[in-house]
Amino acid sequence: MNYSTHSIIDTKSKKMLYHLTAVVFGMVGLTYAAVPLYRTFCQATGYGGTVQHKETVEEKIARHSGSGRSFNKIQCFCFEDISVPVQETN
């Protein structure tokens, strides 16, 4: 091997080392950025159960009023304990 071949191999090795180092740092950076990026993606697309638009009660009523069959709760249902005597059979 002559000097020029050694020099070419040495430069290729350094170039490869720089590329691999950049890949490692890029992967570590993406690991730290994954959660905020995922949250941003979910908020933008509504994917993953994230709500895109909060609907107010008035908007829900207006949306359902067009169907003609809606349930309007006007009073709370209170349940009382009614104990019925059980007859024992002998």
PDB file of N, CA and C in Angstrom:
ATOM      1  N   MET A   1       0.831  -1.192   0.000  1.00  0.00           N
ATOM      2  CA  MET A   1       0.000   0.000   0.000  1.00  0.00           C
ATOM      3  C   MET A   1       0.867   1.244   0.000  1.00  0.00           C
ATOM      4  N   ASN A   2       0.473   2.157  -0.785  1.00  0.00           N
ATOM      5  CA  ASN A   2       1.227   3.404  -0.787  1.00  0.00           C
ATOM      6  C   ASN A   2       0.491   4.450   0.056  1.00  0.00           C
ATOM      7  N   TYR A   3       1.093   5.591   0.157  1.00  0.00           N
ATOM      8  CA  TYR A   3       0.590   6.650   1.035  1.00  0.00           C
ATOM      9  C   TYR A   3      -0.772   7.176   0.590  1.00  0.00           C
ATOM     10  N   SER A   4      -1.031   7.285  -0.704  1.00  0.00           N
ATOM     11  CA  SER A   4      -2.285   7.848  -1.192  1.00  0.00           C
ATOM     12  C   SER A   4      -3.459   6.922  -0.886  1.00  0.00           C
ATOM     13  N   THR A   5      -3.269   5.611  -0.930  1.00  0.00           N
ATOM     14  CA  THR A   5      -4.335   4.668  -0.604  1.00  0.00           C
ATOM     15  C   THR A   5      -4.680   4.760   0.874  1.00  0.00           C
ATOM     16  N   HIS A   6      -3.663   4.886   1.715  1.00  0.00           N
ATOM     17  CA  HIS A   6      -3.901   5.056   3.160  1.00  0.00           C
ATOM     18  C   HIS A   6      -4.706   6.319   3.442  1.00  0.00           C
ATOM     19  N   SER A   7      -4.364   7.367   2.735  1.00  0.00           N
ATOM     20  CA  SER A   7      -5.045   8.645   2.919  1.00  0.00           C
ATOM     21  C   SER A   7      -6.512   8.559   2.493  1.00  0.00           C
ATOM     22  N   ILE A   8      -6.785   7.861   1.397  1.00  0.00           N
ATOM     23  CA  ILE A   8      -8.164   7.717   0.911  1.00  0.00           C
ATOM     24  C   ILE A   8      -8.989   6.895   1.904  1.00  0.00           C
ATOM     25  N   ILE A   9      -8.425   5.814   2.403  1.00  0.00           N
ATOM     26  CA  ILE A   9      -9.129   4.968   3.376  1.00  0.00           C
ATOM     27  C   ILE A   9      -9.371   5.746   4.662  1.00  0.00           C
ATOM     28  N   ASP A  10      -8.376   6.514   5.074  1.00  0.00           N
ATOM     29  CA  ASP A  10      -8.512   7.309   6.299  1.00  0.00           C
ATOM     30  C   ASP A  10      -9.620   8.355   6.162  1.00  0.00           C
ATOM     31  N   THR A  11      -9.708   9.023   5.015  1.00  0.00           N
ATOM     32  CA  THR A  11     -10.759  10.029   4.807  1.00  0.00           C
ATOM     33  C   THR A  11     -12.132   9.374   4.737  1.00  0.00           C
ATOM     34  N   LYS A  12     -12.230   8.203   4.098  1.00  0.00           N
ATOM     35  CA  LYS A  12     -13.511   7.499   4.041  1.00  0.00           C
ATOM     36  C   LYS A  12     -13.950   7.051   5.430  1.00  0.00           C
ATOM     37  N   SER A  13     -12.995   6.620   6.229  1.00  0.00           N
ATOM     38  CA  SER A  13     -13.320   6.190   7.596  1.00  0.00           C
ATOM     39  C   SER A  13     -13.831   7.364   8.430  1.00  0.00           C
ATOM     40  N   LYS A  14     -13.160   8.510   8.304  1.00  0.00           N
ATOM     41  CA  LYS A  14     -13.610   9.689   9.046  1.00  0.00           C
ATOM     42  C   LYS A  14     -14.988  10.149   8.584  1.00  0.00           C
ATOM     43  N   LYS A  15     -15.227  10.082   7.283  1.00  0.00           N
ATOM     44  CA  LYS A  15     -16.517  10.479   6.735  1.00  0.00           C
ATOM     45  C   LYS A  15     -17.629   9.565   7.270  1.00  0.00           C
ATOM     46  N   MET A  16     -17.337   8.264   7.290  1.00  0.00           N
ATOM     47  CA  MET A  16     -18.303   7.294   7.795  1.00  0.00           C
ATOM     48  C   MET A  16     -18.565   7.528   9.279  1.00  0.00           C
ATOM     49  N   LEU A  17     -17.518   7.832  10.029  1.00  0.00           N
ATOM     50  CA  LEU A  17     -17.679   8.109  11.459  1.00  0.00           C
ATOM     51  C   LEU A  17     -18.558   9.336  11.680  1.00  0.00           C
ATOM     52  N   TYR A  18     -18.381  10.370  10.888  1.00  0.00           N
ATOM     53  CA  TYR A  18     -19.218  11.571  11.008  1.00  0.00           C
ATOM     54  C   TYR A  18     -20.681  11.263  10.680  1.00  0.00           C
ATOM     55  N   HIS A  19     -20.893  10.477   9.656  1.00  0.00           N
ATOM     56  CA  HIS A  19     -22.261  10.119   9.267  1.00  0.00           C
ATOM     57  C   HIS A  19     -22.944   9.282  10.353  1.00  0.00           C
ATOM     58  N   LEU A  20     -22.222   8.298  10.880  1.00  0.00           N
ATOM     59  CA  LEU A  20     -22.808   7.454  11.934  1.00  0.00           C
ATOM     60  C   LEU A  20     -23.078   8.248  13.209  1.00  0.00           C
ATOM     61  N   THR A  21     -22.183   9.172  13.534  1.00  0.00           N
ATOM     62  CA  THR A  21     -22.400  10.030  14.705  1.00  0.00           C
ATOM     63  C   THR A  21     -23.627  10.907  14.508  1.00  0.00           C
ATOM     64  N   ALA A  22     -23.781  11.439  13.305  1.00  0.00           N
ATOM     65  CA  ALA A  22     -24.960  12.264  13.013  1.00  0.00           C
ATOM     66  C   ALA A  22     -26.237  11.443  13.105  1.00  0.00           C
ATOM     67  N   VAL A  23     -26.207  10.192  12.632  1.00  0.00           N
ATOM     68  CA  VAL A  23     -27.380   9.320  12.715  1.00  0.00           C
ATOM     69  C   VAL A  23     -27.734   9.036  14.170  1.00  0.00           C
ATOM     70  N   VAL A  24     -26.741   8.756  14.997  1.00  0.00           N
ATOM     71  CA  VAL A  24     -26.989   8.477  16.417  1.00  0.00           C
ATOM     72  C   VAL A  24     -27.599   9.694  17.103  1.00  0.00           C
ATOM     73  N   PHE A  25     -27.026  10.867  16.872  1.00  0.00           N
ATOM     74  CA  PHE A  25     -27.578  12.075  17.487  1.00  0.00           C
ATOM     75  C   PHE A  25     -28.980  12.380  16.965  1.00  0.00           C
ATOM     76  N   GLY A  26     -29.203  12.118  15.682  1.00  0.00           N
ATOM     77  CA  GLY A  26     -30.540  12.312  15.119  1.00  0.00           C
ATOM     78  C   GLY A  26     -31.562  11.378  15.755  1.00  0.00           C
ATOM     79  N   MET A  27     -31.181  10.133  15.977  1.00  0.00           N
ATOM     80  CA  MET A  27     -32.098   9.180  16.613  1.00  0.00           C
ATOM     81  C   MET A  27     -32.411   9.566  18.052  1.00  0.00           C
ATOM     82  N   VAL A  28     -31.402  10.012  18.780  1.00  0.00           N
ATOM     83  CA  VAL A  28     -31.626  10.453  20.160  1.00  0.00           C
ATOM     84  C   VAL A  28     -32.524  11.691  20.170  1.00  0.00           C
ATOM     85  N   GLY A  29     -32.295  12.602  19.266  1.00  0.00           N
ATOM     86  CA  GLY A  29     -33.137  13.805  19.187  1.00  0.00           C
ATOM     87  C   GLY A  29     -34.579  13.476  18.851  1.00  0.00           C
ATOM     88  N   LEU A  30     -34.791  12.550  17.919  1.00  0.00           N
ATOM     89  CA  LEU A  30     -36.154  12.142  17.574  1.00  0.00           C
ATOM     90  C   LEU A  30     -36.834  11.410  18.727  1.00  0.00           C
ATOM     91  N   THR A  31     -36.053  10.689  19.521  1.00  0.00           N
ATOM     92  CA  THR A  31     -36.624  10.017  20.689  1.00  0.00           C
ATOM     93  C   THR A  31     -37.184  11.030  21.673  1.00  0.00           C
ATOM     94  N   TYR A  32     -36.437  12.088  21.928  1.00  0.00           N
ATOM     95  CA  TYR A  32     -36.918  13.120  22.851  1.00  0.00           C
ATOM     96  C   TYR A  32     -38.072  13.926  22.258  1.00  0.00           C
ATOM     97  N   ALA A  33     -38.106  14.062  20.947  1.00  0.00           N
ATOM     98  CA  ALA A  33     -39.157  14.853  20.306  1.00  0.00           C
ATOM     99  C   ALA A  33     -40.403  14.034  19.987  1.00  0.00           C
ATOM    100  N   ALA A  34     -40.374  12.733  20.211  1.00  0.00           N
ATOM    101  CA  ALA A  34     -41.480  11.869  19.790  1.00  0.00           C
ATOM    102  C   ALA A  34     -42.794  12.216  20.491  1.00  0.00           C
ATOM    103  N   VAL A  35     -42.772  12.414  21.797  1.00  0.00           N
ATOM    104  CA  VAL A  35     -44.011  12.680  22.539  1.00  0.00           C
ATOM    105  C   VAL A  35     -44.633  14.015  22.130  1.00  0.00           C
ATOM    106  N   PRO A  36     -43.889  15.109  22.113  1.00  0.00           N
ATOM    107  CA  PRO A  36     -44.515  16.364  21.666  1.00  0.00           C
ATOM    108  C   PRO A  36     -44.990  16.308  20.215  1.00  0.00           C
ATOM    109  N   LEU A  37     -44.231  15.637  19.354  1.00  0.00           N
ATOM    110  CA  LEU A  37     -44.659  15.514  17.967  1.00  0.00           C
ATOM    111  C   LEU A  37     -45.932  14.687  17.849  1.00  0.00           C
ATOM    112  N   TYR A  38     -46.037  13.618  18.640  1.00  0.00           N
ATOM    113  CA  TYR A  38     -47.239  12.787  18.614  1.00  0.00           C
ATOM    114  C   TYR A  38     -48.448  13.574  19.123  1.00  0.00           C
ATOM    115  N   ARG A  39     -48.273  14.340  20.196  1.00  0.00           N
ATOM    116  CA  ARG A  39     -49.374  15.162  20.716  1.00  0.00           C
ATOM    117  C   ARG A  39     -49.833  16.175  19.673  1.00  0.00           C
ATOM    118  N   THR A  40     -48.890  16.810  19.024  1.00  0.00           N
ATOM    119  CA  THR A  40     -49.227  17.794  17.990  1.00  0.00           C
ATOM    120  C   THR A  40     -49.962  17.125  16.839  1.00  0.00           C
ATOM    121  N   PHE A  41     -49.508  15.954  16.428  1.00  0.00           N
ATOM    122  CA  PHE A  41     -50.160  15.218  15.349  1.00  0.00           C
ATOM    123  C   PHE A  41     -51.590  14.842  15.734  1.00  0.00           C
ATOM    124  N   CYS A  42     -51.763  14.351  16.974  1.00  0.00           N
ATOM    125  CA  CYS A  42     -53.101  13.941  17.415  1.00  0.00           C
ATOM    126  C   CYS A  42     -54.052  15.132  17.534  1.00  0.00           C
ATOM    127  N   GLN A  43     -53.546  16.261  18.003  1.00  0.00           N
ATOM    128  CA  GLN A  43     -54.396  17.444  18.111  1.00  0.00           C
ATOM    129  C   GLN A  43     -54.786  17.967  16.735  1.00  0.00           C
ATOM    130  N   ALA A  44     -53.898  17.842  15.771  1.00  0.00           N
ATOM    131  CA  ALA A  44     -54.184  18.354  14.432  1.00  0.00           C
ATOM    132  C   ALA A  44     -55.143  17.453  13.667  1.00  0.00           C
ATOM    133  N   THR A  45     -55.037  16.133  13.879  1.00  0.00           N
ATOM    134  CA  THR A  45     -55.833  15.205  13.086  1.00  0.00           C
ATOM    135  C   THR A  45     -57.007  14.598  13.837  1.00  0.00           C
ATOM    136  N   GLY A  46     -56.998  14.681  15.169  1.00  0.00           N
ATOM    137  CA  GLY A  46     -58.055  14.038  15.944  1.00  0.00           C
ATOM    138  C   GLY A  46     -57.797  12.556  16.144  1.00  0.00           C
ATOM    139  N   TYR A  47     -56.632  12.106  15.761  1.00  0.00           N
ATOM    140  CA  TYR A  47     -56.267  10.703  15.896  1.00  0.00           C
ATOM    141  C   TYR A  47     -55.939  10.395  17.357  1.00  0.00           C
ATOM    142  N   GLY A  48     -56.246   9.203  17.802  1.00  0.00           N
ATOM    143  CA  GLY A  48     -55.892   8.792  19.162  1.00  0.00           C
ATOM    144  C   GLY A  48     -56.855   9.295  20.213  1.00  0.00           C
ATOM    145  N   GLY A  49     -58.061   9.656  19.824  1.00  0.00           N
ATOM    146  CA  GLY A  49     -59.057  10.095  20.798  1.00  0.00           C
ATOM    147  C   GLY A  49     -58.969  11.558  21.176  1.00  0.00           C
ATOM    148  N   THR A  50     -58.120  12.300  20.551  1.00  0.00           N
ATOM    149  CA  THR A  50     -58.009  13.724  20.848  1.00  0.00           C
ATOM    150  C   THR A  50     -59.150  14.467  20.168  1.00  0.00           C
ATOM    151  N   VAL A  51     -59.821  15.294  20.923  1.00  0.00           N
ATOM    152  CA  VAL A  51     -60.953  16.045  20.394  1.00  0.00           C
ATOM    153  C   VAL A  51     -60.441  17.248  19.622  1.00  0.00           C
ATOM    154  N   GLN A  52     -60.940  17.408  18.400  1.00  0.00           N
ATOM    155  CA  GLN A  52     -60.524  18.552  17.593  1.00  0.00           C
ATOM    156  C   GLN A  52     -61.326  19.795  17.945  1.00  0.00           C
ATOM    157  N   HIS A  53     -62.622  19.628  18.188  1.00  0.00           N
ATOM    158  CA  HIS A  53     -63.489  20.772  18.439  1.00  0.00           C
ATOM    159  C   HIS A  53     -64.389  20.441  19.609  1.00  0.00           C
ATOM    160  N   LYS A  54     -64.331  21.270  20.640  1.00  0.00           N
ATOM    161  CA  LYS A  54     -65.223  21.067  21.771  1.00  0.00           C
ATOM    162  C   LYS A  54     -66.590  21.587  21.401  1.00  0.00           C
ATOM    163  N   GLU A  55     -67.588  20.760  21.593  1.00  0.00           N
ATOM    164  CA  GLU A  55     -68.948  21.136  21.256  1.00  0.00           C
ATOM    165  C   GLU A  55     -69.677  21.555  22.536  1.00  0.00           C
ATOM    166  N   THR A  56     -70.274  22.724  22.512  1.00  0.00           N
ATOM    167  CA  THR A  56     -71.006  23.192  23.684  1.00  0.00           C
ATOM    168  C   THR A  56     -72.353  22.494  23.760  1.00  0.00           C
ATOM    169  N   VAL A  57     -73.001  22.627  24.910  1.00  0.00           N
ATOM    170  CA  VAL A  57     -74.309  22.012  25.108  1.00  0.00           C
ATOM    171  C   VAL A  57     -75.319  22.575  24.116  1.00  0.00           C
ATOM    172  N   GLU A  58     -75.244  23.864  23.884  1.00  0.00           N
ATOM    173  CA  GLU A  58     -76.171  24.501  22.954  1.00  0.00           C
ATOM    174  C   GLU A  58     -75.978  23.957  21.536  1.00  0.00           C
ATOM    175  N   GLU A  59     -74.733  23.738  21.145  1.00  0.00           N
ATOM    176  CA  GLU A  59     -74.464  23.191  19.816  1.00  0.00           C
ATOM    177  C   GLU A  59     -74.974  21.746  19.697  1.00  0.00           C
ATOM    178  N   LYS A  60     -74.830  20.976  20.762  1.00  0.00           N
ATOM    179  CA  LYS A  60     -75.338  19.601  20.747  1.00  0.00           C
ATOM    180  C   LYS A  60     -76.854  19.580  20.625  1.00  0.00           C
ATOM    181  N   ILE A  61     -77.521  20.466  21.376  1.00  0.00           N
ATOM    182  CA  ILE A  61     -78.982  20.533  21.309  1.00  0.00           C
ATOM    183  C   ILE A  61     -79.427  20.939  19.911  1.00  0.00           C
ATOM    184  N   ALA A  62     -78.745  21.931  19.348  1.00  0.00           N
ATOM    185  CA  ALA A  62     -79.101  22.386  18.002  1.00  0.00           C
ATOM    186  C   ALA A  62     -78.865  21.283  16.967  1.00  0.00           C
ATOM    187  N   ARG A  63     -77.809  20.510  17.153  1.00  0.00           N
ATOM    188  CA  ARG A  63     -77.517  19.429  16.211  1.00  0.00           C
ATOM    189  C   ARG A  63     -78.560  18.326  16.294  1.00  0.00           C
ATOM    190  N   HIS A  64     -79.017  18.017  17.518  1.00  0.00           N
ATOM    191  CA  HIS A  64     -79.981  16.933  17.702  1.00  0.00           C
ATOM    192  C   HIS A  64     -81.427  17.376  17.520  1.00  0.00           C
ATOM    193  N   SER A  65     -81.688  18.667  17.566  1.00  0.00           N
ATOM    194  CA  SER A  65     -83.074  19.123  17.471  1.00  0.00           C
ATOM    195  C   SER A  65     -83.655  18.885  16.078  1.00  0.00           C
ATOM    196  N   GLY A  66     -82.820  18.816  15.075  1.00  0.00           N
ATOM    197  CA  GLY A  66     -83.294  18.586  13.714  1.00  0.00           C
ATOM    198  C   GLY A  66     -83.834  17.173  13.501  1.00  0.00           C
ATOM    199  N   SER A  67     -83.430  16.229  14.327  1.00  0.00           N
ATOM    200  CA  SER A  67     -83.854  14.850  14.113  1.00  0.00           C
ATOM    201  C   SER A  67     -85.297  14.609  14.563  1.00  0.00           C
ATOM    202  N   GLY A  68     -85.960  15.541  15.458  1.00  0.00           N
ATOM    203  CA  GLY A  68     -87.350  15.417  15.903  1.00  0.00           C
ATOM    204  C   GLY A  68     -87.543  14.452  17.026  1.00  0.00           C
ATOM    205  N   ARG A  69     -86.509  13.448  17.298  1.00  0.00           N
ATOM    206  CA  ARG A  69     -86.617  12.442  18.343  1.00  0.00           C
ATOM    207  C   ARG A  69     -85.435  12.607  19.279  1.00  0.00           C
ATOM    208  N   SER A  70     -85.600  13.460  20.287  1.00  0.00           N
ATOM    209  CA  SER A  70     -84.516  13.641  21.252  1.00  0.00           C
ATOM    210  C   SER A  70     -85.084  13.519  22.650  1.00  0.00           C
ATOM    211  N   PHE A  71     -84.247  13.174  23.567  1.00  0.00           N
ATOM    212  CA  PHE A  71     -84.634  12.988  24.955  1.00  0.00           C
ATOM    213  C   PHE A  71     -84.148  14.192  25.740  1.00  0.00           C
ATOM    214  N   ASN A  72     -85.063  14.900  26.364  1.00  0.00           N
ATOM    215  CA  ASN A  72     -84.702  16.031  27.206  1.00  0.00           C
ATOM    216  C   ASN A  72     -84.947  15.650  28.655  1.00  0.00           C
ATOM    217  N   LYS A  73     -83.902  15.603  29.420  1.00  0.00           N
ATOM    218  CA  LYS A  73     -84.019  15.255  30.834  1.00  0.00           C
ATOM    219  C   LYS A  73     -84.403  16.511  31.598  1.00  0.00           C
ATOM    220  N   ILE A  74     -85.543  16.458  32.265  1.00  0.00           N
ATOM    221  CA  ILE A  74     -86.012  17.649  32.971  1.00  0.00           C
ATOM    222  C   ILE A  74     -85.950  17.494  34.473  1.00  0.00           C
ATOM    223  N   GLN A  75     -85.736  16.306  34.949  1.00  0.00           N
ATOM    224  CA  GLN A  75     -85.738  16.092  36.390  1.00  0.00           C
ATOM    225  C   GLN A  75     -84.796  14.941  36.715  1.00  0.00           C
ATOM    226  N   CYS A  76     -84.185  15.007  37.889  1.00  0.00           N
ATOM    227  CA  CYS A  76     -83.330  13.912  38.329  1.00  0.00           C
ATOM    228  C   CYS A  76     -84.196  12.755  38.803  1.00  0.00           C
ATOM    229  N   PHE A  77     -83.744  11.585  38.551  1.00  0.00           N
ATOM    230  CA  PHE A  77     -84.440  10.396  39.018  1.00  0.00           C
ATOM    231  C   PHE A  77     -83.819   9.974  40.332  1.00  0.00           C
ATOM    232  N   CYS A  78     -84.631   9.956  41.368  1.00  0.00           N
ATOM    233  CA  CYS A  78     -84.148   9.528  42.673  1.00  0.00           C
ATOM    234  C   CYS A  78     -84.759   8.169  42.976  1.00  0.00           C
ATOM    235  N   PHE A  79     -83.937   7.234  43.321  1.00  0.00           N
ATOM    236  CA  PHE A  79     -84.415   5.898  43.611  1.00  0.00           C
ATOM    237  C   PHE A  79     -84.443   5.690  45.116  1.00  0.00           C
ATOM    238  N   GLU A  80     -85.564   5.207  45.592  1.00  0.00           N
ATOM    239  CA  GLU A  80     -85.705   4.917  47.011  1.00  0.00           C
ATOM    240  C   GLU A  80     -85.631   3.419  47.216  1.00  0.00           C
ATOM    241  N   ASP A  81     -85.103   3.047  48.353  1.00  0.00           N
ATOM    242  CA  ASP A  81     -84.992   1.636  48.670  1.00  0.00           C
ATOM    243  C   ASP A  81     -86.355   1.126  49.121  1.00  0.00           C
ATOM    244  N   ILE A  82     -86.924   0.246  48.344  1.00  0.00           N
ATOM    245  CA  ILE A  82     -88.207  -0.359  48.689  1.00  0.00           C
ATOM    246  C   ILE A  82     -87.923  -1.813  49.034  1.00  0.00           C
ATOM    247  N   SER A  83     -88.060  -2.107  50.318  1.00  0.00           N
ATOM    248  CA  SER A  83     -87.786  -3.498  50.698  1.00  0.00           C
ATOM    249  C   SER A  83     -89.081  -4.284  50.715  1.00  0.00           C
ATOM    250  N   VAL A  84     -89.052  -5.351  49.988  1.00  0.00           N
ATOM    251  CA  VAL A  84     -90.215  -6.237  49.881  1.00  0.00           C
ATOM    252  C   VAL A  84     -89.927  -7.444  50.754  1.00  0.00           C
ATOM    253  N   PRO A  85     -90.845  -7.770  51.687  1.00  0.00           N
ATOM    254  CA  PRO A  85     -90.595  -8.914  52.543  1.00  0.00           C
ATOM    255  C   PRO A  85     -90.623 -10.217  51.719  1.00  0.00           C
ATOM    256  N   VAL A  86     -89.662 -11.048  51.995  1.00  0.00           N
ATOM    257  CA  VAL A  86     -89.566 -12.326  51.288  1.00  0.00           C
ATOM    258  C   VAL A  86     -90.209 -13.394  52.168  1.00  0.00           C
ATOM    259  N   GLN A  87     -91.103 -14.145  51.560  1.00  0.00           N
ATOM    260  CA  GLN A  87     -91.755 -15.205  52.316  1.00  0.00           C
ATOM    261  C   GLN A  87     -90.904 -16.446  52.266  1.00  0.00           C
ATOM    262  N   GLU A  88     -90.693 -17.015  53.425  1.00  0.00           N
ATOM    263  CA  GLU A  88     -89.901 -18.208  53.484  1.00  0.00           C
ATOM    264  C   GLU A  88     -90.802 -19.426  53.365  1.00  0.00           C
ATOM    265  N   THR A  89     -90.355 -20.387  52.628  1.00  0.00           N
ATOM    266  CA  THR A  89     -91.139 -21.618  52.505  1.00  0.00           C
ATOM    267  C   THR A  89     -90.545 -22.676  53.417  1.00  0.00           C
ATOM    268  N   ASN A  90     -91.435 -23.330  54.169  1.00  0.00           N
ATOM    269  CA  ASN A  90     -90.950 -24.368  55.097  1.00  0.00           C
ATOM    270  C   ASN A  90     -91.151 -25.720  54.542  1.00  0.00           C
TER     271      ASN A  90
END
